[in-house]
C-alpha atoms as a PDB file:
ATOM      1  CA  MET A   1     -66.620  -8.153 -73.515  1.00  0.00           C
ATOM      2  CA  ARG A   2     -66.763 -11.442 -74.801  1.00  0.00           C
ATOM      3  CA  SER A   3     -66.872 -12.832 -70.837  1.00  0.00           C
ATOM      4  CA  LEU A   4     -69.565 -10.460 -70.228  1.00  0.00           C
ATOM      5  CA  LEU A   5     -71.570 -12.415 -73.203  1.00  0.00           C
ATOM      6  CA  GLN A   6     -70.349 -15.659 -71.811  1.00  0.00           C
ATOM      7  CA  PHE A   7     -71.882 -14.770 -68.897  1.00  0.00           C
ATOM      8  CA  ARG A   8     -74.914 -13.698 -69.942  1.00  0.00           C
ATOM      9  CA  ASN A   9     -75.618 -16.920 -72.190  1.00  0.00           C
ATOM     10  CA  ALA A  10     -74.421 -19.198 -69.455  1.00  0.00           C
ATOM     11  CA  ILE A  11     -76.888 -17.188 -66.859  1.00  0.00           C
ATOM     12  CA  SER A  12     -79.234 -17.472 -69.205  1.00  0.00           C
ATOM     13  CA  SER A  13     -79.307 -21.458 -69.544  1.00  0.00           C
ATOM     14  CA  GLU A  14     -80.115 -21.645 -66.159  1.00  0.00           C
ATOM     15  CA  ILE A  15     -82.577 -19.765 -65.622  1.00  0.00           C
ATOM     16  CA  SER A  16     -84.080 -21.373 -68.818  1.00  0.00           C
ATOM     17  CA  PHE A  17     -83.413 -24.585 -66.831  1.00  0.00           C
ATOM     18  CA  PHE A  18     -85.111 -23.668 -63.650  1.00  0.00           C
ATOM     19  CA  VAL A  19     -88.275 -22.183 -65.419  1.00  0.00           C
ATOM     20  CA  GLU A  20     -88.297 -26.119 -67.025  1.00  0.00           C
ATOM     21  CA  ILE A  21     -87.623 -27.619 -63.683  1.00  0.00           C
ATOM     22  CA  LEU A  22     -90.928 -25.492 -62.335  1.00  0.00           C
ATOM     23  CA  LEU A  23     -93.112 -26.143 -65.128  1.00  0.00           C
ATOM     24  CA  TRP A  24     -92.194 -29.981 -64.993  1.00  0.00           C
ATOM     25  CA  VAL A  25     -92.667 -30.171 -61.230  1.00  0.00           C
ATOM     26  CA  ASP A  26     -96.044 -28.016 -61.845  1.00  0.00           C
ATOM     27  CA  TYR A  27     -97.286 -30.481 -64.361  1.00  0.00           C
ATOM     28  CA  LEU A  28     -96.201 -33.019 -62.057  1.00  0.00           C
ATOM     29  CA  SER A  29     -98.162 -32.017 -59.207  1.00  0.00           C
ATOM     30  CA  ILE A  30    -101.291 -31.142 -61.162  1.00  0.00           C
ATOM     31  CA  PHE A  31    -101.932 -34.215 -63.471  1.00  0.00           C
ATOM     32  CA  HIS A  32    -100.235 -36.705 -62.041  1.00  0.00           C
ATOM     33  CA  TYR A  33    -100.013 -36.163 -57.998  1.00  0.00           C
ATOM     34  CA  LYS A  34    -103.470 -34.285 -57.080  1.00  0.00           C
ATOM     35  CA  ASP A  35    -103.566 -35.175 -53.776  1.00  0.00           C
ATOM     36  CA  TYR A  36    -100.009 -34.138 -53.174  1.00  0.00           C
ATOM     37  CA  VAL A  37     -98.507 -32.887 -49.861  1.00  0.00           C
ATOM     38  CA  PRO A  38     -95.926 -30.733 -49.829  1.00  0.00           C
ATOM     39  CA  SER A  39     -93.631 -31.457 -46.846  1.00  0.00           C
ATOM     40  CA  GLU A  40     -93.267 -27.805 -45.668  1.00  0.00           C
ATOM     41  CA  PRO A  41     -96.142 -25.614 -45.248  1.00  0.00           C
ATOM     42  CA  GLU A  42     -96.493 -23.105 -47.771  1.00  0.00           C
ATOM     43  CA  LYS A  43     -95.355 -19.384 -47.368  1.00  0.00           C
ATOM     44  CA  ILE A  44     -97.918 -16.751 -46.828  1.00  0.00           C
ATOM     45  CA  LEU A  45     -96.105 -12.764 -47.192  1.00  0.00           C
ATOM     46  CA  PHE A  46     -98.654 -10.211 -45.832  1.00  0.00           C
ATOM     47  CA  SER A  47     -97.843  -6.580 -44.436  1.00  0.00           C
ATOM     48  CA  ALA A  48     -99.385  -5.254 -41.385  1.00  0.00           C
ATOM     49  CA  SER A  49     -99.998  -2.375 -39.522  1.00  0.00           C
ATOM     50  CA  LYS A  50     -98.523  -1.526 -36.396  1.00  0.00           C
ATOM     51  CA  ASP A  51    -101.801  -1.325 -34.379  1.00  0.00           C
ATOM     52  CA  LEU A  52    -102.217  -4.754 -35.152  1.00  0.00           C
ATOM     53  CA  LEU A  53     -98.907  -6.271 -34.868  1.00  0.00           C
ATOM     54  CA  LYS A  54     -99.126  -5.551 -31.309  1.00  0.00           C
ATOM     55  CA  ARG A  55    -102.791  -6.508 -30.889  1.00  0.00           C
ATOM     56  CA  ILE A  56    -101.183 -10.287 -32.255  1.00  0.00           C
ATOM     57  CA  ASP A  57     -97.989  -9.972 -29.897  1.00  0.00           C
ATOM     58  CA  GLY A  58    -100.417  -8.783 -26.584  1.00  0.00           C
ATOM     59  CA  PHE A  59    -102.255 -12.097 -27.705  1.00  0.00           C
ATOM     60  CA  ARG A  60     -99.048 -13.636 -28.244  1.00  0.00           C
ATOM     61  CA  LEU A  61     -97.613 -13.014 -24.884  1.00  0.00           C
ATOM     62  CA  GLU A  62    -100.978 -13.817 -23.095  1.00  0.00           C
ATOM     63  CA  HIS A  63    -101.290 -16.619 -24.426  1.00  0.00           C
ATOM     64  CA  ARG A  64     -97.439 -17.999 -23.974  1.00  0.00           C
ATOM     65  CA  ILE A  65     -96.999 -18.792 -27.277  1.00  0.00           C
ATOM     66  CA  SER A  66     -93.596 -18.885 -28.423  1.00  0.00           C
ATOM     67  CA  SER A  67     -93.942 -17.084 -32.298  1.00  0.00           C
ATOM     68  CA  ARG A  68     -95.815 -14.422 -33.581  1.00  0.00           C
ATOM     69  CA  LEU A  69     -96.418 -17.569 -36.596  1.00  0.00           C
ATOM     70  CA  GLU A  70     -98.020 -19.412 -33.990  1.00  0.00           C
ATOM     71  CA  ALA A  71     -99.558 -16.435 -32.513  1.00  0.00           C
ATOM     72  CA  MET A  72    -101.189 -15.929 -36.656  1.00  0.00           C
ATOM     73  CA  THR A  73    -102.083 -18.965 -37.065  1.00  0.00           C
ATOM     74  CA  ARG A  74    -104.116 -19.936 -34.052  1.00  0.00           C
ATOM     75  CA  LEU A  75    -105.725 -16.704 -34.292  1.00  0.00           C
ATOM     76  CA  LEU A  76    -106.634 -17.270 -37.750  1.00  0.00           C
ATOM     77  CA  ASP A  77    -107.455 -20.920 -37.459  1.00  0.00           C
ATOM     78  CA  GLU A  78    -110.108 -20.065 -34.700  1.00  0.00           C
ATOM     79  CA  ALA A  79    -111.755 -17.136 -36.993  1.00  0.00           C
ATOM     80  CA  LEU A  80    -111.888 -19.500 -39.544  1.00  0.00           C
ATOM     81  CA  ASN A  81    -113.702 -22.421 -37.429  1.00  0.00           C
ATOM     82  CA  ARG A  82    -115.878 -19.495 -36.083  1.00  0.00           C
ATOM     83  CA  TYR A  83    -116.662 -18.517 -40.057  1.00  0.00           C
ATOM     84  CA  GLU A  84    -117.376 -21.825 -40.902  1.00  0.00           C
ATOM     85  CA  GLU A  85    -119.870 -22.652 -38.198  1.00  0.00           C
ATOM     86  CA  GLY A  86    -121.168 -19.140 -38.646  1.00  0.00           C
ATOM     87  CA  GLU A  87    -121.042 -18.141 -35.067  1.00  0.00           C
ATOM     88  CA  GLU A  88    -122.565 -14.919 -33.537  1.00  0.00           C
ATOM     89  CA  ILE A  89    -119.929 -12.334 -32.517  1.00  0.00           C
ATOM     90  CA  ALA A  90    -119.985 -12.029 -28.830  1.00  0.00           C
ATOM     91  CA  LEU A  91    -120.688  -8.477 -27.766  1.00  0.00           C
ATOM     92  CA  ASN A  92    -119.934  -6.973 -24.611  1.00  0.00           C
ATOM     93  CA  GLU A  93    -122.855  -5.353 -23.038  1.00  0.00           C
ATOM     94  CA  LYS A  94    -121.726  -1.615 -23.575  1.00  0.00           C
ATOM     95  CA  THR A  95    -121.421  -2.265 -26.870  1.00  0.00           C
ATOM     96  CA  LYS A  96    -125.124  -3.867 -27.190  1.00  0.00           C
ATOM     97  CA  LYS A  97    -126.430  -0.782 -25.162  1.00  0.00           C
ATOM     98  CA  GLU A  98    -124.244   1.402 -28.102  1.00  0.00           C
ATOM     99  CA  ILE A  99    -126.076  -0.312 -30.935  1.00  0.00           C
ATOM    100  CA  GLU A 100    -129.237  -0.521 -29.442  1.00  0.00           C
ATOM    101  CA  GLU A 101    -129.593   3.366 -28.786  1.00  0.00           C
ATOM    102  CA  ILE A 102    -128.321   3.726 -32.312  1.00  0.00           C
ATOM    103  CA  MET A 103    -130.952   1.732 -33.531  1.00  0.00           C
ATOM    104  CA  ARG A 104    -133.475   3.451 -31.238  1.00  0.00           C
ATOM    105  CA  GLU A 105    -133.007   6.827 -33.533  1.00  0.00           C
ATOM    106  CA  LEU A 106    -132.977   4.657 -36.678  1.00  0.00           C
ATOM    107  CA  ARG A 107    -135.251   3.611 -39.269  1.00  0.00           C
ATOM    108  CA  CYS A 108    -134.140   1.086 -41.242  1.00  0.00           C
ATOM    109  CA  PRO A 109    -135.491  -0.528 -44.740  1.00  0.00           C
ATOM    110  CA  GLU A 110    -133.959  -4.264 -43.963  1.00  0.00           C
ATOM    111  CA  ASP A 111    -135.437  -4.134 -39.851  1.00  0.00           C
ATOM    112  CA  PHE A 112    -131.861  -4.537 -38.805  1.00  0.00           C
ATOM    113  CA  ARG A 113    -131.149  -7.743 -39.742  1.00  0.00           C
ATOM    114  CA  CYS A 114    -127.461  -7.330 -39.730  1.00  0.00           C
ATOM    115  CA  TYR A 115    -128.071  -6.846 -36.116  1.00  0.00           C
ATOM    116  CA  LYS A 116    -130.817  -9.441 -34.764  1.00  0.00           C
ATOM    117  CA  SER A 117    -128.438 -11.867 -37.514  1.00  0.00           C
ATOM    118  CA  GLY A 118    -125.589 -11.467 -34.656  1.00  0.00           C
ATOM    119  CA  LEU A 119    -123.639  -9.355 -37.345  1.00  0.00           C
ATOM    120  CA  LYS A 120    -123.241 -12.631 -39.651  1.00  0.00           C
ATOM    121  CA  THR A 121    -125.204 -10.775 -42.691  1.00  0.00           C
ATOM    122  CA  LEU A 122    -123.725  -7.587 -42.591  1.00  0.00           C
ATOM    123  CA  CYS A 123    -123.560  -5.471 -46.025  1.00  0.00           C
ATOM    124  CA  LYS A 124    -120.225  -4.846 -47.560  1.00  0.00           C
ATOM    125  CA  ALA A 125    -118.337  -2.166 -46.142  1.00  0.00           C
ATOM    126  CA  LYS A 126    -114.593  -1.221 -45.469  1.00  0.00           C
ATOM    127  CA  ASP A 127    -113.642   1.498 -43.388  1.00  0.00           C
ATOM    128  CA  ILE A 128    -111.385   3.837 -45.232  1.00  0.00           C
ATOM    129  CA  GLY A 129    -110.850   6.039 -42.116  1.00  0.00           C
ATOM    130  CA  LEU A 130    -113.778   8.870 -42.235  1.00  0.00           C
ATOM    131  CA  LYS A 131    -115.111   9.864 -39.169  1.00  0.00           C
ATOM    132  CA  LEU A 132    -118.998   8.840 -40.481  1.00  0.00           C
ATOM    133  CA  TYR A 133    -118.369   7.463 -43.722  1.00  0.00           C
ATOM    134  CA  LEU A 134    -117.311   3.489 -44.803  1.00  0.00           C
ATOM    135  CA  GLN A 135    -116.501   2.811 -48.281  1.00  0.00           C
ATOM    136  CA  CYS A 136    -119.755   0.180 -49.623  1.00  0.00           C
ATOM    137  CA  LEU A 137    -118.848  -2.383 -51.475  1.00  0.00           C
ATOM    138  CA  GLU A 138    -122.310  -3.769 -52.810  1.00  0.00           C
ATOM    139  CA  GLU A 139    -122.641  -4.041 -56.092  1.00  0.00           C
ATOM    140  CA  LYS A 140    -125.831  -2.419 -56.198  1.00  0.00           C
ATOM    141  CA  PRO A 141    -125.224  -0.328 -53.573  1.00  0.00           C
ATOM    142  CA  LYS A 142    -128.310   2.382 -54.997  1.00  0.00           C
ATOM    143  CA  GLN A 143    -130.692   0.130 -53.949  1.00  0.00           C
ATOM    144  CA  CYS A 144    -129.447   1.558 -50.453  1.00  0.00           C
ATOM    145  CA  LYS A 145    -130.938   4.568 -48.775  1.00  0.00           C
ATOM    146  CA  PHE A 146    -127.892   5.012 -46.809  1.00  0.00           C
ATOM    147  CA  SER A 147    -125.406   4.562 -49.766  1.00  0.00           C
ATOM    148  CA  PHE A 148    -124.279   7.724 -51.567  1.00  0.00           C
ATOM    149  CA  CYS A 149    -121.538   8.357 -54.919  1.00  0.00           C
ATOM    150  CA  CYS A 150    -119.226  10.767 -55.042  1.00  0.00           C
ATOM    151  CA  ARG A 151    -116.260  10.542 -58.218  1.00  0.00           C
ATOM    152  CA  ASP A 152    -117.606   6.775 -58.873  1.00  0.00           C
ATOM    153  CA  GLU A 153    -117.215   5.351 -55.383  1.00  0.00           C
ATOM    154  CA  SER A 154    -120.737   4.478 -53.352  1.00  0.00           C
ATOM    155  CA  TYR A 155    -120.467   5.246 -49.545  1.00  0.00           C
ATOM    156  CA  CYS A 156    -122.107   4.342 -46.824  1.00  0.00           C
ATOM    157  CA  SER A 157    -123.047   6.705 -44.238  1.00  0.00           C
ATOM    158  CA  CYS A 158    -125.666   4.005 -42.117  1.00  0.00           C
ATOM    159  CA  PRO A 159    -124.994   5.303 -38.573  1.00  0.00           C
ATOM    160  CA  LEU A 160    -125.179   1.734 -37.315  1.00  0.00           C
ATOM    161  CA  ARG A 161    -122.759   0.332 -39.850  1.00  0.00           C
ATOM    162  CA  VAL A 162    -120.009   2.581 -39.606  1.00  0.00           C
ATOM    163  CA  TYR A 163    -120.163   2.009 -35.611  1.00  0.00           C
ATOM    164  CA  ILE A 164    -119.867  -1.796 -36.174  1.00  0.00           C
ATOM    165  CA  ALA A 165    -116.987  -1.122 -38.657  1.00  0.00           C
ATOM    166  CA  LYS A 166    -115.302   1.398 -36.095  1.00  0.00           C
ATOM    167  CA  LYS A 167    -115.853  -0.337 -33.397  1.00  0.00           C
ATOM    168  CA  VAL A 168    -116.476  -3.988 -33.739  1.00  0.00           C
ATOM    169  CA  LYS A 169    -114.390  -4.519 -36.389  1.00  0.00           C
ATOM    170  CA  ARG A 170    -116.924  -5.873 -38.699  1.00  0.00           C
END
């Protein structure tokens, strides 16, 4: 019993020492070294679906990139650059025709500003696996004629928005 107590005390003192070091390093980095750049890049841990990993690996192989990490870094950097520049999403002819067909059959109170803006001004919605609906993430979903509530959740039934989410992945 005594050795267990000694072990616990030793571990406790080691942990508190480690926490003090972390706090001191954090203090130094915030208050004294504002422009401090770490020598190693920060690591980010995230989960990805098998489909997404296949797409990343396909990109990696197509562009002869040696690692998945480098491929992901390139893809993320390119996407962020396009986002910051406000670049329009490039749609192939088939997708454009399908979107225009949906638009012909639809009356939009916003005059299709999502499509006319090059998909830059899309309402916030998330594909949750339903065939004809998206989860609406807008702050005031009741203002949209395509939005409806069910069990404290808002859903979008706009055929154009659903198509864009499912086919264009936006």
